[in-house]
């Protein structure tokens, strides 16, 4: 039976098997390099790929498939493991056999001209020395001679099959140093996994610490905005003030806060992700204490976790200030609405007074209209009934006087009737 596959089925299944762990025997060594774009510059993936191809061409090694995000293979007498990540690219060179004195070779596996032309900036580089475990006293002596005792972390990993050590300090050559002591019989893949985990811990730790640098850089701006926001709220609480001016300043503060949140959003989210990865990579090592020394997890708890809490605190501070600004805006709008309602009520009361005065004026005018209309109506009635009054012996003045009251009454009734029809 033939089934139609989803177009991404094969790609997604292969993703689970991508980036295989390296293999390394003891004694041996690894040189690790993580490169990211320059500060503020976009990442140039094509330039990174071209630089990888230049390295492979240098040693006559085959090229990866177009669009590949990882490659591993032999370059000269070394093995190379290349990976392209979201924000950076990593190179790892693995070599079998001892190197004396320890950590002397550095990045010797990479051609100097090629290193000088790398597109980007070094995020971190690490040298990992792998030795056979020859007794715990000797292991402790060597570790103490290679690392700074005050910050050295050392622990048994993977059910005491290996012992790892490092101090997370940059040596005079500019590299981090780690040591791996493997028990006799430990498989090369297990050693390779531990070396890979150490490189990942260092890289993800470095990327996470970028969030701390950002949080520190934003500190003064956040403090200034917090002061302005507090002053605004205090002014609003002290009195009515000028709502328009207060609203303009509040909108400026809110816009600046949103700008900061937008600028820091990606790095803050990436920092949380990298922190999780660091803790996961340390967790899978299954650490056990070695000679009373601090483990990698304890080192991170004392040095790394406070930095991550600072980043988290900065995020919460920005969110809280945004909420405060929103609440202040709501209060200001409420105050403006109340003032506007009071103004509307005063306006309505004034309109009522005007309408009442207009009504009284209208009644007065209507009264005067009755008089005026009655005057002309009496004059017309006098002209109408005047010829009849003379034969009857009625004086014209008496006739006019007799007509006044009836005419006024008729005019008044007529106006009342017209008013009723209009209303």
Protein backbone atom coordinates (compact mmCIF):
# COMPACT_ATOMS: atom_id res chain seq x y z
CA UNK A 1 0.00 0.00 0.00
CA UNK A 2 1.35 3.41 -1.02
CA UNK A 3 0.71 6.35 1.35
CA UNK A 4 1.19 10.00 0.56
CA UNK A 5 3.66 11.54 3.00
CA UNK A 6 3.48 15.02 4.39
CA UNK A 7 6.06 17.12 2.48
CA UNK A 8 7.97 17.84 5.71
CA UNK A 9 7.87 14.32 7.16
CA UNK A 10 11.37 13.28 6.09
CA UNK A 11 12.90 16.63 7.04
CA UNK A 12 11.32 16.60 10.50
CA UNK A 13 12.36 13.00 11.15
CA UNK A 14 15.94 13.78 10.13
CA UNK A 15 15.99 16.79 12.46
CA UNK A 16 15.86 14.44 15.44
CA UNK A 17 19.12 12.87 14.27
CA UNK A 18 20.87 16.08 13.30
CA UNK A 19 23.93 17.41 15.10
CA UNK A 20 25.37 14.05 16.24
CA UNK A 21 27.71 13.98 19.22
CA UNK A 22 31.44 13.85 18.47
CA UNK A 23 33.68 10.96 19.45
CA UNK A 24 36.90 11.49 21.37
CA UNK A 25 39.33 9.15 23.06
CA UNK A 26 41.42 9.82 26.14
CA UNK A 27 43.95 11.34 26.03
CA UNK A 28 42.75 13.96 23.58
CA UNK A 29 41.79 17.58 23.27
CA UNK A 30 39.15 19.82 21.73
CA UNK A 31 39.18 23.45 20.61
CA UNK A 32 35.83 25.19 20.50
CA UNK A 33 34.89 28.51 18.92
CA UNK A 34 31.51 30.33 18.85
CA UNK A 35 31.11 33.29 16.49
CA UNK A 36 28.25 35.79 16.39
CA UNK A 37 27.60 39.00 14.45
CA UNK A 38 29.12 42.30 15.53
CA UNK A 39 27.11 44.36 18.02
CA UNK A 40 24.05 45.80 16.27
CA UNK A 41 24.88 44.17 12.93
CA UNK A 42 22.66 41.60 11.22
CA UNK A 43 23.90 38.07 10.88
CA UNK A 44 25.33 37.22 7.44
CA UNK A 45 24.65 33.50 6.98
CA UNK A 46 26.05 33.47 3.46
CA UNK A 47 29.35 34.94 4.64
CA UNK A 48 29.51 32.36 7.44
CA UNK A 49 28.93 29.54 4.98
CA UNK A 50 31.54 30.92 2.59
CA UNK A 51 34.02 31.07 5.48
CA UNK A 52 33.30 27.44 6.37
CA UNK A 53 33.87 26.41 2.74
CA UNK A 54 37.16 28.31 2.77
CA UNK A 55 38.27 26.27 5.79
CA UNK A 56 37.22 23.00 4.13
CA UNK A 57 38.97 23.98 0.90
CA UNK A 58 42.09 24.77 2.93
CA UNK A 59 42.28 21.09 3.91
CA UNK A 60 40.68 19.69 0.76
CA UNK A 61 37.62 18.40 2.66
CA UNK A 62 34.20 17.84 1.03
CA UNK A 63 31.53 20.53 1.27
CA UNK A 64 28.22 20.20 3.16
CA UNK A 65 24.91 20.07 1.34
CA UNK A 66 23.40 23.45 0.34
CA UNK A 67 21.37 24.86 3.23
CA UNK A 68 22.90 22.45 5.77
CA UNK A 69 23.10 23.68 9.37
CA UNK A 70 25.74 21.21 10.56
CA UNK A 71 28.74 19.34 9.20
CA UNK A 72 31.36 17.03 10.64
CA UNK A 73 34.32 15.36 9.04
CA UNK A 74 38.08 15.06 8.82
CA UNK A 75 40.24 18.10 8.09
CA UNK A 76 43.89 17.15 7.94
CA UNK A 77 44.82 15.26 11.12
CA UNK A 78 41.87 16.80 13.05
CA UNK A 79 38.12 16.30 13.04
CA UNK A 80 35.82 19.31 12.59
CA UNK A 81 32.28 19.71 13.88
CA UNK A 82 30.45 22.78 12.55
CA UNK A 83 26.96 23.92 13.59
CA UNK A 84 24.86 26.93 12.62
CA UNK A 85 22.44 28.09 15.33
CA UNK A 86 19.84 30.84 15.48
CA UNK A 87 22.21 33.57 16.67
CA UNK A 88 25.68 32.14 16.21
CA UNK A 89 27.84 29.54 14.51
CA UNK A 90 30.19 27.11 16.27
CA UNK A 91 33.35 25.26 15.28
CA UNK A 92 34.88 22.39 17.23
CA UNK A 93 38.19 20.74 16.34
CA UNK A 94 38.93 17.38 18.00
CA UNK A 95 42.38 15.83 18.22
CA UNK A 96 43.55 12.51 19.65
CA UNK A 97 46.66 12.20 21.74
CA UNK A 98 48.24 14.28 24.54
CA UNK A 99 49.49 17.83 24.22
CA UNK A 100 52.22 19.18 26.49
CA UNK A 101 52.21 21.51 28.22
CA UNK A 102 48.43 21.49 28.80
CA UNK A 103 46.33 24.00 26.82
CA UNK A 104 49.43 25.11 24.90
CA UNK A 105 48.09 24.58 21.37
CA UNK A 106 45.03 26.85 21.78
CA UNK A 107 43.24 27.17 18.44
CA UNK A 108 46.22 25.81 16.53
CA UNK A 109 43.97 23.51 14.53
CA UNK A 110 42.48 26.56 12.78
CA UNK A 111 44.69 28.37 10.24
CA UNK A 112 45.73 31.79 11.55
CA UNK A 113 44.76 33.56 8.30
CA UNK A 114 41.35 31.93 8.38
CA UNK A 115 40.79 33.00 12.01
CA UNK A 116 41.70 36.60 11.16
CA UNK A 117 39.09 36.71 8.39
CA UNK A 118 36.14 35.33 10.41
CA UNK A 119 32.95 37.30 9.63
CA UNK A 120 31.74 38.35 13.07
CA UNK A 121 32.97 38.53 16.63
CA UNK A 122 34.04 35.81 19.06
CA UNK A 123 31.34 35.05 21.61
CA UNK A 124 33.46 32.47 23.39
CA UNK A 125 36.25 30.02 22.80
CA UNK A 126 37.18 27.05 24.95
CA UNK A 127 39.97 24.54 25.23
CA UNK A 128 39.02 21.11 26.59
CA UNK A 129 41.76 18.72 27.72
CA UNK A 130 40.81 15.03 28.00
CA UNK A 131 42.97 12.73 30.12
CA UNK A 132 42.74 9.28 31.58
CA UNK A 133 41.85 9.25 35.28
CA UNK A 134 44.98 8.13 37.15
CA UNK A 135 43.88 8.51 40.75
CA UNK A 136 41.80 11.12 42.48
CA UNK A 137 44.73 12.79 44.23
CA UNK A 138 46.52 13.25 40.93
CA UNK A 139 43.30 14.51 39.31
CA UNK A 140 42.84 17.06 42.10
CA UNK A 141 46.49 18.17 41.86
CA UNK A 142 46.29 18.73 38.11
CA UNK A 143 42.98 20.56 38.31
CA UNK A 144 44.30 22.87 41.01
CA UNK A 145 47.35 23.68 38.90
CA UNK A 146 45.27 24.51 35.84
CA UNK A 147 42.37 26.45 37.35
CA UNK A 148 41.75 29.25 39.85
CA UNK A 149 40.81 27.53 43.08
CA UNK A 150 38.34 30.22 44.21
CA UNK A 151 36.04 29.74 41.22
CA UNK A 152 36.86 26.18 40.18
CA UNK A 153 33.93 23.81 39.75
CA UNK A 154 34.66 20.09 39.77
CA UNK A 155 32.35 17.10 39.83
CA UNK A 156 31.86 13.47 38.95
CA UNK A 157 29.48 13.00 36.00
CA UNK A 158 27.59 10.17 34.33
CA UNK A 159 27.68 7.83 37.32
CA UNK A 160 31.34 8.63 38.11
CA UNK A 161 32.54 7.52 34.69
CA UNK A 162 34.18 10.89 34.15
CA UNK A 163 35.34 13.87 36.20
CA UNK A 164 35.04 17.38 34.79
CA UNK A 165 36.60 20.62 36.01
CA UNK A 166 36.70 24.27 34.97
CA UNK A 167 36.79 27.77 36.44
CA UNK A 168 34.87 29.74 33.74
CA UNK A 169 37.69 32.29 33.57
CA UNK A 170 39.30 33.64 30.42
CA UNK A 171 42.98 32.69 30.33
CA UNK A 172 45.75 35.00 29.07
CA UNK A 173 45.30 33.64 25.55
CA UNK A 174 41.61 34.56 25.59
CA UNK A 175 40.09 31.10 26.04
CA UNK A 176 38.01 29.26 28.61
CA UNK A 177 39.56 26.05 29.94
CA UNK A 178 37.94 22.75 30.88
CA UNK A 179 39.39 19.39 31.83
CA UNK A 180 37.77 15.97 31.43
CA UNK A 181 39.22 12.94 33.24
CA UNK A 182 37.84 9.68 31.86
CA UNK A 183 37.93 6.38 33.73
CA UNK A 184 39.66 3.54 31.84
CA UNK A 185 37.17 1.82 29.57
CA UNK A 186 34.94 4.86 29.11
CA UNK A 187 33.59 4.88 25.55
CA UNK A 188 34.71 7.54 23.09
CA UNK A 189 31.10 8.54 22.38
CA UNK A 190 30.46 9.12 26.07
CA UNK A 191 33.56 11.28 26.28
CA UNK A 192 32.43 13.16 23.18
CA UNK A 193 29.00 13.79 24.71
CA UNK A 194 30.55 15.26 27.86
CA UNK A 195 32.87 17.49 25.80
CA UNK A 196 29.88 18.63 23.74
CA UNK A 197 27.88 19.38 26.90
CA UNK A 198 30.71 21.47 28.33
CA UNK A 199 30.89 23.50 25.12
CA UNK A 200 27.12 23.97 25.12
CA UNK A 201 27.11 25.04 28.78
CA UNK A 202 29.77 27.65 28.08
CA UNK A 203 28.10 28.92 24.89
CA UNK A 204 24.56 29.11 26.25
CA UNK A 205 25.86 30.68 29.46
CA UNK A 206 27.58 33.38 27.42
CA UNK A 207 24.49 34.03 25.33
CA UNK A 208 22.31 34.21 28.44
CA UNK A 209 24.69 36.72 30.05
CA UNK A 210 24.06 39.08 27.13
CA UNK A 211 20.68 39.66 28.75
CA UNK A 212 22.42 40.88 31.90
CA UNK A 213 24.44 43.38 29.88
CA UNK A 214 21.25 44.66 28.31
CA UNK A 215 19.49 44.91 31.68
CA UNK A 216 22.38 46.91 33.13
CA UNK A 217 22.43 49.23 30.11
CA UNK A 218 18.69 49.90 30.44
CA UNK A 219 18.89 50.49 34.20
CA UNK A 220 19.47 54.28 34.12
CA UNK A 221 16.73 54.84 31.52
CA UNK A 222 14.28 52.73 33.48
CA UNK A 223 15.15 54.60 36.68
CA UNK A 224 14.60 57.98 35.02
CA UNK A 225 11.26 56.88 33.57
CA UNK A 226 10.18 55.47 36.93
CA UNK A 227 10.94 58.83 38.60
CA UNK A 228 8.96 60.75 35.97
CA UNK A 229 6.06 58.35 36.28
CA UNK A 230 6.05 58.65 40.09
CA UNK A 231 6.11 62.45 39.81
CA UNK A 232 3.18 62.37 37.41
CA UNK A 233 1.11 60.20 39.72
CA UNK A 234 2.00 62.49 42.66
CA UNK A 235 0.89 65.56 40.69
CA UNK A 236 -2.36 63.86 39.77
CA UNK A 237 -2.97 63.04 43.44
CA UNK A 238 -2.10 66.58 44.60
CA UNK A 239 -4.66 68.44 42.53
CA UNK A 240 -6.49 68.75 39.22
CA UNK A 241 -3.65 70.58 37.44
CA UNK A 242 -3.67 70.71 33.65
CA UNK A 243 -5.00 67.40 32.29
CA UNK A 244 -3.81 68.13 28.75
CA UNK A 245 -0.19 68.76 29.84
CA UNK A 246 -0.23 65.76 32.19
CA UNK A 247 -1.60 63.53 29.44
CA UNK A 248 1.12 64.67 27.02
CA UNK A 249 3.89 63.78 29.50
CA UNK A 250 2.19 60.49 30.36
CA UNK A 251 1.97 59.55 26.69
CA UNK A 252 5.67 60.33 26.28
CA UNK A 253 6.59 58.12 29.24
CA UNK A 254 4.33 55.30 28.00
CA UNK A 255 5.84 55.48 24.50
CA UNK A 256 9.36 55.28 25.94
CA UNK A 257 8.40 52.29 28.07
CA UNK A 258 6.91 50.47 25.09
CA UNK A 259 10.04 51.25 23.09
CA UNK A 260 12.22 49.74 25.82
CA UNK A 261 10.03 46.65 26.01
CA UNK A 262 10.18 46.23 22.24
CA UNK A 263 13.96 46.64 22.18
CA UNK A 264 14.54 44.23 25.06
CA UNK A 265 11.84 41.69 24.23
CA UNK A 266 13.88 39.41 21.97
CA UNK A 267 16.99 39.39 24.14
CA UNK A 268 14.99 38.82 27.33
CA UNK A 269 13.14 35.90 25.78
CA UNK A 270 16.39 34.47 24.40
CA UNK A 271 18.01 34.83 27.83
CA UNK A 272 15.26 32.75 29.44
CA UNK A 273 15.65 30.10 26.74
CA UNK A 274 19.44 29.95 27.11
CA UNK A 275 19.14 29.80 30.90
CA UNK A 276 16.86 26.79 30.55
CA UNK A 277 19.34 25.13 28.19
CA UNK A 278 22.24 25.71 30.58
CA UNK A 279 20.34 24.12 33.45
CA UNK A 280 19.26 21.20 31.25
CA UNK A 281 22.79 20.54 30.01
CA UNK A 282 24.11 20.54 33.59
CA UNK A 283 21.25 18.30 34.69
CA UNK A 284 21.99 15.60 32.12
CA UNK A 285 25.57 15.35 33.41
CA UNK A 286 24.18 13.79 36.61
CA UNK A 287 26.78 15.46 38.80
CA UNK A 288 28.23 14.09 42.01
CA UNK A 289 30.51 15.92 44.41
CA UNK A 290 34.28 15.48 44.07
CA UNK A 291 36.37 16.04 47.18
CA UNK A 292 34.08 18.62 48.72
CA UNK A 293 34.44 21.03 45.78
CA UNK A 294 31.54 22.92 44.28
CA UNK A 295 29.76 21.31 41.36
CA UNK A 296 28.89 23.04 38.11
CA UNK A 297 25.29 23.38 39.30
CA UNK A 298 26.46 25.07 42.53
CA UNK A 299 28.74 27.40 40.59
CA UNK A 300 25.81 28.45 38.37
CA UNK A 301 23.53 28.85 41.37
CA UNK A 302 26.00 31.22 43.02
CA UNK A 303 27.19 33.17 39.97
CA UNK A 304 24.87 32.60 37.03
CA UNK A 305 21.43 32.45 38.67
CA UNK A 306 21.68 35.95 40.27
CA UNK A 307 22.43 37.40 36.83
CA UNK A 308 19.37 35.68 35.40
CA UNK A 309 17.25 36.94 38.30
CA UNK A 310 18.45 40.46 37.48
CA UNK A 311 17.24 40.06 33.90
CA UNK A 312 13.95 38.66 35.13
CA UNK A 313 13.60 41.51 37.63
CA UNK A 314 14.20 44.07 34.88
CA UNK A 315 11.49 42.45 32.75
CA UNK A 316 9.06 42.51 35.66
CA UNK A 317 9.99 46.11 36.44
CA UNK A 318 9.29 47.19 32.88
CA UNK A 319 5.97 45.32 32.85
CA UNK A 320 4.97 46.83 36.20
CA UNK A 321 5.83 50.34 35.01
CA UNK A 322 3.79 49.81 31.84
CA UNK A 323 0.84 48.73 33.98
CA UNK A 324 1.32 51.76 36.26
CA UNK A 325 1.36 54.05 33.23
CA UNK A 326 -1.81 52.40 31.93
CA UNK A 327 -3.53 52.81 35.31
CA UNK A 328 -2.41 56.45 35.51
CA UNK A 329 -3.86 56.97 32.03
CA UNK A 330 -7.14 55.42 33.14
CA UNK A 331 -7.25 57.70 36.21
CA UNK A 332 -6.49 60.73 34.09
CA UNK A 333 -9.20 59.82 31.60
CA UNK A 334 -11.63 59.30 34.49
CA UNK A 335 -10.77 62.74 35.87
CA UNK A 336 -11.22 64.32 32.45
CA UNK A 337 -14.56 62.53 32.02
CA UNK A 338 -15.75 63.75 35.44
CA UNK A 339 -14.68 67.32 34.66
CA UNK A 340 -16.34 67.08 31.27
CA UNK A 341 -19.54 65.78 32.87
CA UNK A 342 -19.49 68.70 35.31
CA UNK A 343 -19.00 71.12 32.41
CA UNK A 344 -21.86 69.47 30.52
CA UNK A 345 -24.12 69.74 33.57
CA UNK A 346 -23.24 73.43 33.95
CA UNK A 347 -23.91 73.95 30.26
CA UNK A 348 -27.27 72.19 30.52
CA UNK A 349 -28.20 74.28 33.56
CA UNK A 350 -27.25 77.43 31.66
CA UNK A 351 -29.31 76.28 28.69
CA UNK A 352 -32.26 75.65 31.05
CA UNK A 353 -31.95 79.17 32.43
CA UNK A 354 -31.81 80.60 28.93
CA UNK A 355 -34.81 78.56 27.87
CA UNK A 356 -36.74 79.71 30.92
CA UNK A 357 -35.85 83.34 30.26
CA UNK A 358 -36.77 82.89 26.61
CA UNK A 359 -40.11 81.41 27.64
CA UNK A 360 -40.83 84.33 29.95
CA UNK A 361 -39.82 86.74 27.23
CA UNK A 362 -42.06 84.88 24.82
CA UNK A 363 -45.00 85.21 27.22
CA UNK A 364 -44.27 88.91 27.58
CA UNK A 365 -44.11 89.32 23.83
CA UNK A 366 -47.36 87.40 23.48
CA UNK A 367 -48.99 89.77 26.00
CA UNK A 368 -47.72 92.75 24.07
CA UNK A 369 -48.87 91.12 20.87
CA UNK A 370 -52.41 90.87 22.28
CA UNK A 371 -52.36 94.60 23.01
CA UNK A 372 -50.96 95.52 19.60
CA UNK A 373 -53.29 93.27 17.65
CA UNK A 374 -56.24 94.39 19.77
CA UNK A 375 -55.37 98.04 19.07
CA UNK A 376 -55.50 97.55 15.33
CA UNK A 377 -58.55 95.28 15.58
CA UNK A 378 -60.45 97.94 17.61
CA UNK A 379 -59.52 100.57 15.03
CA UNK A 380 -60.83 98.34 12.22
CA UNK A 381 -63.99 97.55 14.18
CA UNK A 382 -64.59 101.28 14.82
CA UNK A 383 -64.34 101.96 11.10
CA UNK A 384 -66.68 99.01 10.47
CA UNK A 385 -69.36 99.87 13.00
CA UNK A 386 -68.95 103.69 12.95
CA UNK A 387 -71.57 104.32 10.21
CA UNK A 388 -74.11 102.26 12.17
CA UNK A 389 -73.47 104.14 15.43
CA UNK A 390 -74.35 107.60 14.08
CA UNK A 391 -78.06 106.81 13.19
CA UNK A 392 -78.40 105.10 16.51
CA UNK A 393 -77.18 108.20 18.32
CA UNK A 394 -74.10 106.47 19.77
CA UNK A 395 -70.97 108.55 20.21
CA UNK A 396 -67.93 107.28 18.33
CA UNK A 397 -65.79 107.32 21.51
CA UNK A 398 -68.38 105.31 23.37
CA UNK A 399 -68.50 102.85 20.45
CA UNK A 400 -64.74 102.44 20.57
CA UNK A 401 -64.78 101.88 24.31
CA UNK A 402 -67.50 99.27 23.95
CA UNK A 403 -65.50 97.39 21.34
CA UNK A 404 -62.23 97.20 23.31
CA UNK A 405 -63.05 94.38 25.75
CA UNK A 406 -64.69 92.03 23.23
CA UNK A 407 -61.91 92.53 20.70
CA UNK A 408 -59.17 91.96 23.29
CA UNK A 409 -60.94 88.81 24.48
CA UNK A 410 -61.26 87.50 20.93
CA UNK A 411 -57.60 88.21 20.14
CA UNK A 412 -56.48 86.52 23.35
CA UNK A 413 -58.60 83.43 22.65
CA UNK A 414 -57.26 83.27 19.10
CA UNK A 415 -53.62 83.38 20.26
CA UNK A 416 -54.31 80.71 22.90
CA UNK A 417 -55.80 78.47 20.26
CA UNK A 418 -52.79 78.98 17.96
CA UNK A 419 -50.40 78.13 20.85
CA UNK A 420 -52.26 74.91 21.60
CA UNK A 421 -52.00 73.86 17.97
CA UNK A 422 -48.26 74.55 17.89
CA UNK A 423 -47.54 72.65 21.13
